[in-house]
C-alpha atoms as a PDB file:
ATOM      1  CA  UNK A   1       0.046  -0.277  -0.294  1.00  0.00           C
ATOM      2  CA  UNK A   2       0.717   1.721  -3.446  1.00  0.00           C
ATOM      3  CA  UNK A   3       3.421   4.335  -3.867  1.00  0.00           C
ATOM      4  CA  UNK A   4       2.032   7.466  -5.439  1.00  0.00           C
ATOM      5  CA  UNK A   5       4.951   7.872  -7.865  1.00  0.00           C
ATOM      6  CA  UNK A   6       5.225   4.186  -8.753  1.00  0.00           C
ATOM      7  CA  UNK A   7       5.177   3.481 -12.501  1.00  0.00           C
ATOM      8  CA  UNK A   8       2.857   0.553 -11.661  1.00  0.00           C
ATOM      9  CA  UNK A   9       0.489   2.684  -9.567  1.00  0.00           C
ATOM     10  CA  UNK A  10      -2.417   2.601 -12.010  1.00  0.00           C
ATOM     11  CA  UNK A  11      -2.155  -1.164 -12.454  1.00  0.00           C
ATOM     12  CA  UNK A  12      -2.093  -1.658  -8.686  1.00  0.00           C
ATOM     13  CA  UNK A  13      -5.169   0.513  -8.241  1.00  0.00           C
ATOM     14  CA  UNK A  14      -6.973  -1.358 -11.030  1.00  0.00           C
ATOM     15  CA  UNK A  15      -6.081  -4.674  -9.386  1.00  0.00           C
ATOM     16  CA  UNK A  16      -7.488  -3.466  -6.070  1.00  0.00           C
ATOM     17  CA  UNK A  17     -10.673  -2.425  -7.869  1.00  0.00           C
ATOM     18  CA  UNK A  18     -10.998  -5.902  -9.413  1.00  0.00           C
ATOM     19  CA  UNK A  19     -10.598  -7.487  -5.982  1.00  0.00           C
ATOM     20  CA  UNK A  20     -13.297  -5.226  -4.550  1.00  0.00           C
ATOM     21  CA  UNK A  21     -15.568  -6.069  -7.493  1.00  0.00           C
ATOM     22  CA  UNK A  22     -15.013  -9.766  -6.720  1.00  0.00           C
ATOM     23  CA  UNK A  23     -16.032  -9.192  -3.079  1.00  0.00           C
ATOM     24  CA  UNK A  24     -12.525  -9.824  -1.790  1.00  0.00           C
ATOM     25  CA  UNK A  25     -11.779  -7.826   1.366  1.00  0.00           C
ATOM     26  CA  UNK A  26      -9.343  -5.092   0.420  1.00  0.00           C
ATOM     27  CA  UNK A  27      -7.614  -2.353   2.310  1.00  0.00           C
ATOM     28  CA  UNK A  28      -5.809   0.076   0.033  1.00  0.00           C
ATOM     29  CA  UNK A  29      -3.435   2.831   1.033  1.00  0.00           C
ATOM     30  CA  UNK A  30      -2.082   5.199  -1.617  1.00  0.00           C
ATOM     31  CA  UNK A  31       1.050   6.917  -0.361  1.00  0.00           C
ATOM     32  CA  UNK A  32       1.470  10.208  -2.224  1.00  0.00           C
ATOM     33  CA  UNK A  33       4.840  11.504  -3.248  1.00  0.00           C
ATOM     34  CA  UNK A  34       6.884   8.341  -2.815  1.00  0.00           C
ATOM     35  CA  UNK A  35       8.564   6.267  -5.535  1.00  0.00           C
ATOM     36  CA  UNK A  36       8.513   2.530  -6.149  1.00  0.00           C
ATOM     37  CA  UNK A  37      10.619   0.705  -3.528  1.00  0.00           C
ATOM     38  CA  UNK A  38      10.628   3.725  -1.216  1.00  0.00           C
ATOM     39  CA  UNK A  39      10.992   1.433   1.783  1.00  0.00           C
ATOM     40  CA  UNK A  40      14.267   0.084   0.417  1.00  0.00           C
ATOM     41  CA  UNK A  41      15.495   3.532  -0.562  1.00  0.00           C
ATOM     42  CA  UNK A  42      14.731   5.105   2.823  1.00  0.00           C
ATOM     43  CA  UNK A  43      14.176   2.267   5.327  1.00  0.00           C
ATOM     44  CA  UNK A  44      14.199   4.682   8.281  1.00  0.00           C
ATOM     45  CA  UNK A  45      12.121   7.354   6.543  1.00  0.00           C
ATOM     46  CA  UNK A  46       8.876   8.743   7.890  1.00  0.00           C
ATOM     47  CA  UNK A  47       6.779   7.356   5.024  1.00  0.00           C
ATOM     48  CA  UNK A  48       8.343   3.901   5.405  1.00  0.00           C
ATOM     49  CA  UNK A  49       7.458   3.895   9.093  1.00  0.00           C
ATOM     50  CA  UNK A  50       3.936   5.028   8.217  1.00  0.00           C
ATOM     51  CA  UNK A  51       3.615   2.298   5.601  1.00  0.00           C
ATOM     52  CA  UNK A  52       4.797  -0.397   7.994  1.00  0.00           C
ATOM     53  CA  UNK A  53       2.405   0.843  10.678  1.00  0.00           C
ATOM     54  CA  UNK A  54      -0.470   0.707   8.189  1.00  0.00           C
ATOM     55  CA  UNK A  55       0.496  -2.800   7.056  1.00  0.00           C
ATOM     56  CA  UNK A  56       0.782  -4.101  10.613  1.00  0.00           C
ATOM     57  CA  UNK A  57      -2.568  -2.596  11.574  1.00  0.00           C
ATOM     58  CA  UNK A  58      -4.219  -4.139   8.492  1.00  0.00           C
ATOM     59  CA  UNK A  59      -2.722  -7.529   9.346  1.00  0.00           C
ATOM     60  CA  UNK A  60      -3.975  -7.259  12.912  1.00  0.00           C
ATOM     61  CA  UNK A  61      -7.476  -6.475  11.662  1.00  0.00           C
ATOM     62  CA  UNK A  62      -7.369  -9.358   9.181  1.00  0.00           C
ATOM     63  CA  UNK A  63      -6.395 -11.981  11.728  1.00  0.00           C
ATOM     64  CA  UNK A  64      -8.618 -10.551  14.428  1.00  0.00           C
END
């Protein structure tokens, strides 16, 4: 999960790319328009709920 307006966005995307290149299973979601720590800033916000739904679904897929 990468916030689109995170100052570390590019590093996070590069890290995901390195994991993919190393054949590590990766699921990446880039959330446009949100800042770093958006879930702490707006814990009840629409994008936070979306992010948590995406994370839970990814976890479910990972553990089968």
